Amino acid sequence: MFKPALTVSLAAATLLCATGAAHAGKDLDAIKARGAVICGVTAGGIAGFMMQDSQGKWVGLDVDVCRAVSAAIFGDSEKVKFVPVTAQQRFTALQSGEVDMLSNNTTETLTRDTALGFDFGAITYYDGQGFMVNKKLGVKSAKELNGATVCVTPGSTTELNLADYFRANKMTFKPVVIEKVEEVRAAFFSGRCDTYTTDSSGLYATRAANAPNPDDYVILPEIISKEPLAPAFRHGDQQFGDIVRWSQYAMLEAEEYGITSKNVDEMLKSENPTIKRILGVTPGMGKALGVDEKWVYAIVKQVGNYGESFETHVGTGSKLKIARGLNKL
């Protein structure tokens, strides 16, 4: 279910495209000359998706997408500069060239893809908007929120979804609109708002990482939108877009074929012709994409496959304990 747009596998793509080599565009040329990919992430962070650890290193599911792109281009997943941007700043930062790509829980929408001049990679995480409340409020359903004060960030699909949901259910609400995500969280946990609304993944992350006592808060059952979260990049450099997209597909296909960061060296000895093509033992894919033939090997060895990344950062083995759900292969 995770890759509906993937109609050609990595291995099959090799057979179809091996005769032609990709040609770098201006964005990719600039990235190579700079020696690093500049990746826009959410200011204030979102636990499990993009957050600085105790050493100041950015970690998370969205961060791993940026590291995978770096591994494909440079053979080194650490050649990434992370730039924190707010929901309102992110699109201007991408349009102006301040960042090369966004990997920060951005929802793919028609308007962003067309009017704003962006392209999107594969879906990193299938999400949907929800609501979190303090248990002492006694609310069991979002349909009991008539007249509630709602903490929400501007410059996102969240505001529109919120207004649509309350209007459709003939309810009223009072929005408390705050730009910086850390200030929104503080307002909610201080009791300034009855409920906090954002993507459900963000609610789980906020409860796990920021709540004074996570057990005091409940995420309501209603999911009021479809939020396919994906990396975004500018129109105009098709090769860079291809590298972003196929780096994500590589992580998915590695999981599908059981190739992990722990066994990838052993998998180089596989007699399976598909695995040999994926890992560059049989050449062709690298030339087609304009990168080294061992690009998938570098991604899996240094970053991991999609399942490894999911489980480490947001899965049942993490603090967030999110079930794979819609994000299963």
C-alpha atoms as a PDB file:
ATOM      1  CA  MET A   1       0.000   0.000   0.000  1.00  0.00           C
ATOM      2  CA  PHE A   2       2.952   2.298   0.567  1.00  0.00           C
ATOM      3  CA  LYS A   3       4.046   2.785  -3.031  1.00  0.00           C
ATOM      4  CA  PRO A   4       1.032   3.041  -5.338  1.00  0.00           C
ATOM      5  CA  ALA A   5       2.973   5.168  -7.823  1.00  0.00           C
ATOM      6  CA  LEU A   6       5.840   2.702  -8.106  1.00  0.00           C
ATOM      7  CA  THR A   7       4.997   0.907 -11.342  1.00  0.00           C
ATOM      8  CA  VAL A   8       8.581  -0.033 -12.201  1.00  0.00           C
ATOM      9  CA  SER A   9      10.804  -1.747  -9.663  1.00  0.00           C
ATOM     10  CA  LEU A  10      14.420  -0.744  -9.161  1.00  0.00           C
ATOM     11  CA  ALA A  11      15.638  -3.873 -10.880  1.00  0.00           C
ATOM     12  CA  ALA A  12      13.274  -3.552 -13.840  1.00  0.00           C
ATOM     13  CA  ALA A  13      14.216   0.094 -14.196  1.00  0.00           C
ATOM     14  CA  THR A  14      17.782  -1.003 -14.747  1.00  0.00           C
ATOM     15  CA  LEU A  15      16.808  -3.075 -17.738  1.00  0.00           C
ATOM     16  CA  LEU A  16      14.699  -0.303 -19.211  1.00  0.00           C
ATOM     17  CA  CYS A  17      17.079   2.620 -18.652  1.00  0.00           C
ATOM     18  CA  ALA A  18      20.616   1.267 -18.627  1.00  0.00           C
ATOM     19  CA  THR A  19      21.350   2.607 -22.091  1.00  0.00           C
ATOM     20  CA  GLY A  20      20.969   6.250 -21.026  1.00  0.00           C
ATOM     21  CA  ALA A  21      22.796   8.257 -18.377  1.00  0.00           C
ATOM     22  CA  ALA A  22      21.156  11.055 -16.431  1.00  0.00           C
ATOM     23  CA  HIS A  23      22.228  14.665 -16.924  1.00  0.00           C
ATOM     24  CA  ALA A  24      22.615  16.898 -13.884  1.00  0.00           C
ATOM     25  CA  GLY A  25      20.519  20.046 -13.571  1.00  0.00           C
ATOM     26  CA  LYS A  26      21.460  23.306 -11.861  1.00  0.00           C
ATOM     27  CA  ASP A  27      20.175  22.305  -8.419  1.00  0.00           C
ATOM     28  CA  LEU A  28      22.108  19.046  -8.394  1.00  0.00           C
ATOM     29  CA  ASP A  29      25.210  20.793  -9.745  1.00  0.00           C
ATOM     30  CA  ALA A  30      24.984  23.314  -6.894  1.00  0.00           C
ATOM     31  CA  ILE A  31      24.583  20.550  -4.320  1.00  0.00           C
ATOM     32  CA  LYS A  32      27.619  18.689  -5.644  1.00  0.00           C
ATOM     33  CA  ALA A  33      29.731  21.863  -5.731  1.00  0.00           C
ATOM     34  CA  ARG A  34      28.660  22.721  -2.171  1.00  0.00           C
ATOM     35  CA  GLY A  35      29.362  19.207  -0.948  1.00  0.00           C
ATOM     36  CA  ALA A  36      26.120  18.898   1.015  1.00  0.00           C
ATOM     37  CA  VAL A  37      22.348  18.679   0.660  1.00  0.00           C
ATOM     38  CA  ILE A  38      20.478  21.439   2.526  1.00  0.00           C
ATOM     39  CA  CYS A  39      17.343  19.946   4.042  1.00  0.00           C
ATOM     40  CA  GLY A  40      14.539  21.970   5.623  1.00  0.00           C
ATOM     41  CA  VAL A  41      13.142  20.471   8.843  1.00  0.00           C
ATOM     42  CA  THR A  42      10.546  21.688  11.329  1.00  0.00           C
ATOM     43  CA  ALA A  43      11.721  24.360  13.758  1.00  0.00           C
ATOM     44  CA  GLY A  44      11.264  22.990  17.256  1.00  0.00           C
ATOM     45  CA  GLY A  45      11.352  19.444  15.935  1.00  0.00           C
ATOM     46  CA  ILE A  46       8.819  16.611  15.973  1.00  0.00           C
ATOM     47  CA  ALA A  47       9.894  13.582  18.005  1.00  0.00           C
ATOM     48  CA  GLY A  48      10.346  10.491  15.847  1.00  0.00           C
ATOM     49  CA  PHE A  49      10.330  12.477  12.613  1.00  0.00           C
ATOM     50  CA  MET A  50      12.904  15.258  13.052  1.00  0.00           C
ATOM     51  CA  MET A  51      14.476  16.125  16.380  1.00  0.00           C
ATOM     52  CA  GLN A  52      17.917  17.017  17.665  1.00  0.00           C
ATOM     53  CA  ASP A  53      19.325  14.465  20.098  1.00  0.00           C
ATOM     54  CA  SER A  54      21.405  15.230  23.184  1.00  0.00           C
ATOM     55  CA  GLN A  55      24.472  15.715  20.970  1.00  0.00           C
ATOM     56  CA  GLY A  56      22.644  18.127  18.685  1.00  0.00           C
ATOM     57  CA  LYS A  57      22.393  15.608  15.813  1.00  0.00           C
ATOM     58  CA  TRP A  58      19.146  15.574  13.825  1.00  0.00           C
ATOM     59  CA  VAL A  59      17.437  12.162  13.922  1.00  0.00           C
ATOM     60  CA  GLY A  60      14.070  10.809  12.769  1.00  0.00           C
ATOM     61  CA  LEU A  61      12.103   9.265   9.928  1.00  0.00           C
ATOM     62  CA  ASP A  62      12.088  12.470   7.842  1.00  0.00           C
ATOM     63  CA  VAL A  63      15.753  13.068   8.631  1.00  0.00           C
ATOM     64  CA  ASP A  64      16.565   9.604   7.269  1.00  0.00           C
ATOM     65  CA  VAL A  65      15.098  10.609   3.891  1.00  0.00           C
ATOM     66  CA  CYS A  66      17.587  13.487   3.687  1.00  0.00           C
ATOM     67  CA  ARG A  67      20.421  11.201   4.748  1.00  0.00           C
ATOM     68  CA  ALA A  68      19.417   8.663   2.105  1.00  0.00           C
ATOM     69  CA  VAL A  69      19.563  11.359  -0.600  1.00  0.00           C
ATOM     70  CA  SER A  70      23.017  12.371   0.641  1.00  0.00           C
ATOM     71  CA  ALA A  71      24.158   8.734   0.580  1.00  0.00           C
ATOM     72  CA  ALA A  72      22.937   8.362  -3.013  1.00  0.00           C
ATOM     73  CA  ILE A  73      24.669  11.540  -4.223  1.00  0.00           C
ATOM     74  CA  PHE A  74      27.891  11.467  -2.207  1.00  0.00           C
ATOM     75  CA  GLY A  75      28.144   7.901  -0.882  1.00  0.00           C
ATOM     76  CA  ASP A  76      28.025   9.524   2.575  1.00  0.00           C
ATOM     77  CA  SER A  77      24.786   9.987   4.517  1.00  0.00           C
ATOM     78  CA  GLU A  78      26.287  12.687   6.742  1.00  0.00           C
ATOM     79  CA  LYS A  79      26.736  15.316   4.032  1.00  0.00           C
ATOM     80  CA  VAL A  80      23.502  17.083   4.975  1.00  0.00           C
ATOM     81  CA  LYS A  81      22.936  20.520   6.483  1.00  0.00           C
ATOM     82  CA  PHE A  82      19.639  20.725   8.375  1.00  0.00           C
ATOM     83  CA  VAL A  83      17.877  24.107   8.417  1.00  0.00           C
ATOM     84  CA  PRO A  84      14.935  24.537  10.817  1.00  0.00           C
ATOM     85  CA  VAL A  85      11.953  26.393   9.305  1.00  0.00           C
ATOM     86  CA  THR A  86       8.444  27.111  10.579  1.00  0.00           C
ATOM     87  CA  ALA A  87       5.296  26.051   8.726  1.00  0.00           C
ATOM     88  CA  GLN A  88       4.966  29.584   7.350  1.00  0.00           C
ATOM     89  CA  GLN A  89       8.645  29.935   6.393  1.00  0.00           C
ATOM     90  CA  ARG A  90       9.157  26.543   4.724  1.00  0.00           C
ATOM     91  CA  PHE A  91       7.777  27.243   1.258  1.00  0.00           C
ATOM     92  CA  THR A  92       9.533  30.595   0.932  1.00  0.00           C
ATOM     93  CA  ALA A  93      12.778  28.887   2.005  1.00  0.00           C
ATOM     94  CA  LEU A  94      12.346  26.272  -0.702  1.00  0.00           C
ATOM     95  CA  GLN A  95      11.328  28.736  -3.420  1.00  0.00           C
ATOM     96  CA  SER A  96      14.250  31.062  -2.651  1.00  0.00           C
ATOM     97  CA  GLY A  97      16.852  28.281  -2.680  1.00  0.00           C
ATOM     98  CA  GLU A  98      17.652  28.592   1.028  1.00  0.00           C
ATOM     99  CA  VAL A  99      17.029  24.836   1.190  1.00  0.00           C
ATOM    100  CA  ASP A 100      17.276  22.170  -1.527  1.00  0.00           C
ATOM    101  CA  MET A 101      14.387  20.107  -0.203  1.00  0.00           C
ATOM    102  CA  LEU A 102      11.864  19.918   2.601  1.00  0.00           C
ATOM    103  CA  SER A 103      11.500  16.735   4.617  1.00  0.00           C
ATOM    104  CA  ASN A 104       9.379  17.998   7.472  1.00  0.00           C
ATOM    105  CA  ASN A 105       5.907  16.423   7.554  1.00  0.00           C
ATOM    106  CA  THR A 106       4.724  18.472   4.569  1.00  0.00           C
ATOM    107  CA  THR A 107       1.425  17.281   3.082  1.00  0.00           C
ATOM    108  CA  GLU A 108       1.371  16.778  -0.674  1.00  0.00           C
ATOM    109  CA  THR A 109      -1.465  18.850  -2.157  1.00  0.00           C
ATOM    110  CA  LEU A 110      -2.506  19.870  -5.665  1.00  0.00           C
ATOM    111  CA  THR A 111      -1.918  23.579  -5.013  1.00  0.00           C
ATOM    112  CA  ARG A 112       1.561  23.058  -3.622  1.00  0.00           C
ATOM    113  CA  ASP A 113       2.444  20.850  -6.567  1.00  0.00           C
ATOM    114  CA  THR A 114       1.181  23.370  -9.135  1.00  0.00           C
ATOM    115  CA  ALA A 115       0.730  26.983  -7.994  1.00  0.00           C
ATOM    116  CA  LEU A 116       3.753  26.955  -5.667  1.00  0.00           C
ATOM    117  CA  GLY A 117       6.015  25.296  -8.219  1.00  0.00           C
ATOM    118  CA  PHE A 118       7.054  22.251  -6.211  1.00  0.00           C
ATOM    119  CA  ASP A 119       7.424  18.560  -6.903  1.00  0.00           C
ATOM    120  CA  PHE A 120       7.040  15.796  -4.329  1.00  0.00           C
ATOM    121  CA  GLY A 121       8.887  12.564  -3.740  1.00  0.00           C
ATOM    122  CA  ALA A 122       7.316   9.317  -2.594  1.00  0.00           C
ATOM    123  CA  ILE A 123       5.084   9.353   0.475  1.00  0.00           C
ATOM    124  CA  THR A 124       7.227   9.088   3.589  1.00  0.00           C
ATOM    125  CA  TYR A 125       4.295   8.611   5.954  1.00  0.00           C
ATOM    126  CA  TYR A 126       0.541   8.291   5.450  1.00  0.00           C
ATOM    127  CA  ASP A 127      -1.063  10.414   8.165  1.00  0.00           C
ATOM    128  CA  GLY A 128      -4.288  12.170   9.109  1.00  0.00           C
ATOM    129  CA  GLN A 129      -5.239  15.091  11.328  1.00  0.00           C
ATOM    130  CA  GLY A 130      -6.508  14.448  14.837  1.00  0.00           C
ATOM    131  CA  PHE A 131      -7.107  16.057  18.239  1.00  0.00           C
ATOM    132  CA  MET A 132      -5.466  15.671  21.650  1.00  0.00           C
ATOM    133  CA  VAL A 133      -7.109  16.641  24.937  1.00  0.00           C
ATOM    134  CA  ASN A 134      -6.358  16.435  28.644  1.00  0.00           C
ATOM    135  CA  LYS A 135      -8.177  13.423  30.139  1.00  0.00           C
ATOM    136  CA  LYS A 136      -9.668  15.622  32.867  1.00  0.00           C
ATOM    137  CA  LEU A 137     -11.722  17.379  30.159  1.00  0.00           C
ATOM    138  CA  GLY A 138     -13.794  14.184  29.924  1.00  0.00           C
ATOM    139  CA  VAL A 139     -14.082  14.366  26.128  1.00  0.00           C
ATOM    140  CA  LYS A 140     -14.260  11.037  24.281  1.00  0.00           C
ATOM    141  CA  SER A 141     -14.922  12.259  20.732  1.00  0.00           C
ATOM    142  CA  ALA A 142     -14.030  15.239  18.563  1.00  0.00           C
ATOM    143  CA  LYS A 143     -17.758  15.738  18.068  1.00  0.00           C
ATOM    144  CA  GLU A 144     -17.932  16.808  21.724  1.00  0.00           C
ATOM    145  CA  LEU A 145     -15.647  19.803  21.090  1.00  0.00           C
ATOM    146  CA  ASN A 146     -18.362  22.350  20.274  1.00  0.00           C
ATOM    147  CA  GLY A 147     -17.221  25.769  21.544  1.00  0.00           C
ATOM    148  CA  ALA A 148     -13.705  24.565  22.327  1.00  0.00           C
ATOM    149  CA  THR A 149     -10.546  26.641  22.098  1.00  0.00           C
ATOM    150  CA  VAL A 150      -8.172  24.943  19.656  1.00  0.00           C
ATOM    151  CA  CYS A 151      -4.391  25.348  19.454  1.00  0.00           C
ATOM    152  CA  VAL A 152      -3.264  25.291  15.808  1.00  0.00           C
ATOM    153  CA  THR A 153      -0.281  26.421  13.729  1.00  0.00           C
ATOM    154  CA  PRO A 154      -0.773  28.748  10.714  1.00  0.00           C
ATOM    155  CA  GLY A 155       0.449  28.171   7.175  1.00  0.00           C
ATOM    156  CA  SER A 156      -0.633  24.541   6.991  1.00  0.00           C
ATOM    157  CA  THR A 157      -3.504  22.351   5.789  1.00  0.00           C
ATOM    158  CA  THR A 158      -4.375  21.946   9.482  1.00  0.00           C
ATOM    159  CA  GLU A 159      -6.197  25.289   9.706  1.00  0.00           C
ATOM    160  CA  LEU A 160      -8.416  24.576   6.696  1.00  0.00           C
ATOM    161  CA  ASN A 161      -9.201  21.014   7.812  1.00  0.00           C
ATOM    162  CA  LEU A 162     -10.105  22.285  11.282  1.00  0.00           C
ATOM    163  CA  ALA A 163     -12.530  24.896   9.948  1.00  0.00           C
ATOM    164  CA  ASP A 164     -14.072  22.416   7.495  1.00  0.00           C
ATOM    165  CA  TYR A 165     -14.602  19.765  10.171  1.00  0.00           C
ATOM    166  CA  PHE A 166     -16.316  22.084  12.644  1.00  0.00           C
ATOM    167  CA  ARG A 167     -18.448  23.636   9.907  1.00  0.00           C
ATOM    168  CA  ALA A 168     -19.501  20.221   8.581  1.00  0.00           C
ATOM    169  CA  ASN A 169     -20.500  19.110  12.098  1.00  0.00           C
ATOM    170  CA  LYS A 170     -22.300  22.411  12.848  1.00  0.00           C
ATOM    171  CA  MET A 171     -19.962  23.242  15.708  1.00  0.00           C
ATOM    172  CA  THR A 172     -18.097  26.396  16.656  1.00  0.00           C
ATOM    173  CA  PHE A 173     -14.552  26.810  17.945  1.00  0.00           C
ATOM    174  CA  LYS A 174     -12.130  29.515  18.978  1.00  0.00           C
ATOM    175  CA  PRO A 175      -8.731  29.166  17.284  1.00  0.00           C
ATOM    176  CA  VAL A 176      -5.523  29.985  19.161  1.00  0.00           C
ATOM    177  CA  VAL A 177      -3.102  30.450  16.260  1.00  0.00           C
ATOM    178  CA  ILE A 178       0.615  30.361  17.130  1.00  0.00           C
ATOM    179  CA  GLU A 179       3.391  30.075  14.546  1.00  0.00           C
ATOM    180  CA  LYS A 180       6.166  28.347  16.490  1.00  0.00           C
ATOM    181  CA  VAL A 181       5.382  24.706  17.239  1.00  0.00           C
ATOM    182  CA  GLU A 182       7.147  24.760  20.620  1.00  0.00           C
ATOM    183  CA  GLU A 183       4.964  27.726  21.656  1.00  0.00           C
ATOM    184  CA  VAL A 184       1.814  25.929  20.504  1.00  0.00           C
ATOM    185  CA  ARG A 185       2.740  22.934  22.659  1.00  0.00           C
ATOM    186  CA  ALA A 186       3.439  25.176  25.653  1.00  0.00           C
ATOM    187  CA  ALA A 187       0.076  26.914  25.231  1.00  0.00           C
ATOM    188  CA  PHE A 188      -1.772  23.602  25.117  1.00  0.00           C
ATOM    189  CA  PHE A 189      -0.007  22.021  28.079  1.00  0.00           C
ATOM    190  CA  SER A 190      -0.484  25.188  30.147  1.00  0.00           C
ATOM    191  CA  GLY A 191      -4.254  24.897  29.640  1.00  0.00           C
ATOM    192  CA  ARG A 192      -4.663  27.841  27.297  1.00  0.00           C
ATOM    193  CA  CYS A 193      -6.467  25.561  24.791  1.00  0.00           C
ATOM    194  CA  ASP A 194      -8.986  22.764  25.270  1.00  0.00           C
ATOM    195  CA  THR A 195      -7.475  20.761  22.438  1.00  0.00           C
ATOM    196  CA  TYR A 196      -4.439  20.678  20.175  1.00  0.00           C
ATOM    197  CA  THR A 197      -4.870  19.672  16.546  1.00  0.00           C
ATOM    198  CA  THR A 198      -2.234  18.561  14.051  1.00  0.00           C
ATOM    199  CA  ASP A 199      -1.308  15.384  12.183  1.00  0.00           C
ATOM    200  CA  SER A 200      -1.856  12.395  14.459  1.00  0.00           C
ATOM    201  CA  SER A 201       1.824  11.458  14.188  1.00  0.00           C
ATOM    202  CA  GLY A 202       2.670  14.907  15.573  1.00  0.00           C
ATOM    203  CA  LEU A 203       0.215  14.392  18.426  1.00  0.00           C
ATOM    204  CA  TYR A 204       1.815  11.081  19.358  1.00  0.00           C
ATOM    205  CA  ALA A 205       5.238  12.715  19.157  1.00  0.00           C
ATOM    206  CA  THR A 206       4.169  15.697  21.259  1.00  0.00           C
ATOM    207  CA  ARG A 207       2.567  13.513  23.918  1.00  0.00           C
ATOM    208  CA  ALA A 208       5.623  11.247  24.147  1.00  0.00           C
ATOM    209  CA  ALA A 209       8.300  13.940  24.103  1.00  0.00           C
ATOM    210  CA  ASN A 210       6.745  17.130  25.454  1.00  0.00           C
ATOM    211  CA  ALA A 211       3.836  16.352  27.806  1.00  0.00           C
ATOM    212  CA  PRO A 212       4.514  16.942  31.522  1.00  0.00           C
ATOM    213  CA  ASN A 213       2.846  13.552  32.107  1.00  0.00           C
ATOM    214  CA  PRO A 214       1.944  11.681  28.878  1.00  0.00           C
ATOM    215  CA  ASP A 215      -0.659   9.538  30.670  1.00  0.00           C
ATOM    216  CA  ASP A 216      -2.721  12.669  31.363  1.00  0.00           C
ATOM    217  CA  TYR A 217      -3.472  13.169  27.656  1.00  0.00           C
ATOM    218  CA  VAL A 218      -5.572  11.229  25.167  1.00  0.00           C
ATOM    219  CA  ILE A 219      -5.686  11.371  21.371  1.00  0.00           C
ATOM    220  CA  LEU A 220      -9.292  11.278  20.206  1.00  0.00           C
ATOM    221  CA  PRO A 221     -10.355   8.548  17.746  1.00  0.00           C
ATOM    222  CA  GLU A 222     -11.469  10.784  14.854  1.00  0.00           C
ATOM    223  CA  ILE A 223      -9.098  11.289  11.915  1.00  0.00           C
ATOM    224  CA  ILE A 224     -10.498  14.239   9.970  1.00  0.00           C
ATOM    225  CA  SER A 225      -8.237  14.349   6.905  1.00  0.00           C
ATOM    226  CA  LYS A 226      -5.852  12.485   4.642  1.00  0.00           C
ATOM    227  CA  GLU A 227      -2.300  13.754   5.035  1.00  0.00           C
ATOM    228  CA  PRO A 228       0.192  12.057   2.702  1.00  0.00           C
ATOM    229  CA  LEU A 229       3.513  13.438   3.962  1.00  0.00           C
ATOM    230  CA  ALA A 230       6.333  13.653   1.426  1.00  0.00           C
ATOM    231  CA  PRO A 231       9.584  15.487   0.731  1.00  0.00           C
ATOM    232  CA  ALA A 232       9.215  18.545  -1.499  1.00  0.00           C
ATOM    233  CA  PHE A 233      11.674  20.124  -3.941  1.00  0.00           C
ATOM    234  CA  ARG A 234      11.543  22.760  -6.664  1.00  0.00           C
ATOM    235  CA  HIS A 235      10.347  22.209 -10.224  1.00  0.00           C
ATOM    236  CA  GLY A 236      13.159  22.361 -12.728  1.00  0.00           C
ATOM    237  CA  ASP A 237      15.822  19.791 -11.864  1.00  0.00           C
ATOM    238  CA  GLN A 238      14.398  16.462 -12.863  1.00  0.00           C
ATOM    239  CA  GLN A 239      17.511  14.508 -11.944  1.00  0.00           C
ATOM    240  CA  PHE A 240      17.579  15.763  -8.367  1.00  0.00           C
ATOM    241  CA  GLY A 241      13.878  14.935  -8.063  1.00  0.00           C
ATOM    242  CA  ASP A 242      14.572  11.460  -9.411  1.00  0.00           C
ATOM    243  CA  ILE A 243      17.317  10.922  -6.837  1.00  0.00           C
ATOM    244  CA  VAL A 244      15.014  11.958  -3.970  1.00  0.00           C
ATOM    245  CA  ARG A 245      12.175   9.759  -5.198  1.00  0.00           C
ATOM    246  CA  TRP A 246      14.266   6.685  -6.000  1.00  0.00           C
ATOM    247  CA  SER A 247      16.227   6.952  -2.752  1.00  0.00           C
ATOM    248  CA  GLN A 248      12.898   6.494  -0.979  1.00  0.00           C
ATOM    249  CA  TYR A 249      11.915   3.632  -3.279  1.00  0.00           C
ATOM    250  CA  ALA A 250      15.312   2.029  -2.610  1.00  0.00           C
ATOM    251  CA  MET A 251      14.586   1.971   1.135  1.00  0.00           C
ATOM    252  CA  LEU A 252      11.202   0.372   0.446  1.00  0.00           C
ATOM    253  CA  GLU A 253      12.485  -2.208  -1.990  1.00  0.00           C
ATOM    254  CA  ALA A 254      15.375  -3.101   0.308  1.00  0.00           C
ATOM    255  CA  GLU A 255      12.825  -3.934   2.994  1.00  0.00           C
ATOM    256  CA  GLU A 256      10.774  -5.920   0.496  1.00  0.00           C
ATOM    257  CA  TYR A 257      13.804  -8.075  -0.398  1.00  0.00           C
ATOM    258  CA  GLY A 258      14.968  -8.437   3.198  1.00  0.00           C
ATOM    259  CA  ILE A 259      18.082  -6.294   2.724  1.00  0.00           C
ATOM    260  CA  THR A 260      18.970  -4.576   6.019  1.00  0.00           C
ATOM    261  CA  SER A 261      21.806  -2.460   7.371  1.00  0.00           C
ATOM    262  CA  LYS A 262      22.999  -5.533   9.259  1.00  0.00           C
ATOM    263  CA  ASN A 263      23.012  -8.037   6.374  1.00  0.00           C
ATOM    264  CA  VAL A 264      23.696  -5.826   3.346  1.00  0.00           C
ATOM    265  CA  ASP A 265      27.357  -6.884   3.120  1.00  0.00           C
ATOM    266  CA  GLU A 266      26.331 -10.538   3.073  1.00  0.00           C
ATOM    267  CA  MET A 267      23.611  -9.735   0.516  1.00  0.00           C
ATOM    268  CA  LEU A 268      26.342  -8.578  -1.890  1.00  0.00           C
ATOM    269  CA  LYS A 269      27.099 -12.281  -2.330  1.00  0.00           C
ATOM    270  CA  SER A 270      23.485 -13.153  -3.181  1.00  0.00           C
ATOM    271  CA  GLU A 271      22.846 -15.125  -6.364  1.00  0.00           C
ATOM    272  CA  ASN A 272      19.407 -13.516  -6.713  1.00  0.00           C
ATOM    273  CA  PRO A 273      19.681 -11.439  -9.921  1.00  0.00           C
ATOM    274  CA  THR A 274      17.279  -8.792  -8.595  1.00  0.00           C
ATOM    275  CA  ILE A 275      19.273  -8.254  -5.410  1.00  0.00           C
ATOM    276  CA  LYS A 276      22.485  -8.125  -7.465  1.00  0.00           C
ATOM    277  CA  ARG A 277      21.016  -5.314  -9.590  1.00  0.00           C
ATOM    278  CA  ILE A 278      19.615  -3.444  -6.566  1.00  0.00           C
ATOM    279  CA  LEU A 279      22.973  -3.470  -4.777  1.00  0.00           C
ATOM    280  CA  GLY A 280      24.966  -2.572  -7.872  1.00  0.00           C
ATOM    281  CA  VAL A 281      26.790  -5.898  -8.182  1.00  0.00           C
ATOM    282  CA  THR A 282      25.232  -5.971 -11.637  1.00  0.00           C
ATOM    283  CA  PRO A 283      25.742  -2.391 -12.908  1.00  0.00           C
ATOM    284  CA  GLY A 284      23.213  -0.151 -14.652  1.00  0.00           C
ATOM    285  CA  MET A 285      21.010   1.613 -12.119  1.00  0.00           C
ATOM    286  CA  GLY A 286      23.680   4.036 -10.971  1.00  0.00           C
ATOM    287  CA  LYS A 287      24.410   5.165 -14.519  1.00  0.00           C
ATOM    288  CA  ALA A 288      20.700   5.617 -15.208  1.00  0.00           C
ATOM    289  CA  LEU A 289      20.330   7.838 -12.127  1.00  0.00           C
ATOM    290  CA  GLY A 290      23.665   9.584 -12.519  1.00  0.00           C
ATOM    291  CA  VAL A 291      25.163   8.318  -9.255  1.00  0.00           C
ATOM    292  CA  ASP A 292      27.596   5.607  -8.155  1.00  0.00           C
ATOM    293  CA  GLU A 293      26.509   2.026  -8.822  1.00  0.00           C
ATOM    294  CA  LYS A 294      26.635   1.284  -5.073  1.00  0.00           C
ATOM    295  CA  TRP A 295      24.122   4.036  -4.226  1.00  0.00           C
ATOM    296  CA  VAL A 296      21.510   1.652  -2.794  1.00  0.00           C
ATOM    297  CA  TYR A 297      24.194  -0.188  -0.840  1.00  0.00           C
ATOM    298  CA  ALA A 298      25.276   3.155   0.671  1.00  0.00           C
ATOM    299  CA  ILE A 299      21.706   4.045   1.630  1.00  0.00           C
ATOM    300  CA  VAL A 300      20.938   0.717   3.286  1.00  0.00           C
ATOM    301  CA  LYS A 301      24.321   0.362   4.990  1.00  0.00           C
ATOM    302  CA  GLN A 302      24.355   3.880   6.417  1.00  0.00           C
ATOM    303  CA  VAL A 303      20.656   4.680   6.876  1.00  0.00           C
ATOM    304  CA  GLY A 304      18.757   1.361   6.742  1.00  0.00           C
ATOM    305  CA  ASN A 305      15.702   0.186   4.872  1.00  0.00           C
ATOM    306  CA  TYR A 306      12.306   1.809   5.387  1.00  0.00           C
ATOM    307  CA  GLY A 307      11.160  -0.731   7.971  1.00  0.00           C
ATOM    308  CA  GLU A 308      14.307  -0.232  10.030  1.00  0.00           C
ATOM    309  CA  SER A 309      13.890   3.538   9.949  1.00  0.00           C
ATOM    310  CA  PHE A 310      10.199   3.341  10.864  1.00  0.00           C
ATOM    311  CA  GLU A 311      10.737   0.945  13.762  1.00  0.00           C
ATOM    312  CA  THR A 312      13.706   2.874  15.162  1.00  0.00           C
ATOM    313  CA  HIS A 313      12.080   6.280  15.164  1.00  0.00           C
ATOM    314  CA  VAL A 314       8.291   5.930  15.375  1.00  0.00           C
ATOM    315  CA  GLY A 315       7.412   2.219  15.567  1.00  0.00           C
ATOM    316  CA  THR A 316       6.401  -0.009  18.455  1.00  0.00           C
ATOM    317  CA  GLY A 317      10.004  -0.177  19.647  1.00  0.00           C
ATOM    318  CA  SER A 318      10.251   3.627  19.916  1.00  0.00           C
ATOM    319  CA  LYS A 319       8.823   6.092  22.425  1.00  0.00           C
ATOM    320  CA  LEU A 320       5.981   6.877  20.022  1.00  0.00           C
ATOM    321  CA  LYS A 321       4.875   3.226  19.690  1.00  0.00           C
ATOM    322  CA  ILE A 322       2.948   3.850  16.445  1.00  0.00           C
ATOM    323  CA  ALA A 323       1.660   0.740  14.669  1.00  0.00           C
ATOM    324  CA  ARG A 324       2.740   0.400  11.020  1.00  0.00           C
ATOM    325  CA  GLY A 325      -0.883   0.566   9.816  1.00  0.00           C
ATOM    326  CA  LEU A 326      -1.272   2.308   6.464  1.00  0.00           C
ATOM    327  CA  ASN A 327       2.508   2.489   6.203  1.00  0.00           C
ATOM    328  CA  LYS A 328       2.997  -1.242   5.760  1.00  0.00           C
ATOM    329  CA  LEU A 329       4.579  -2.300   2.464  1.00  0.00           C
END
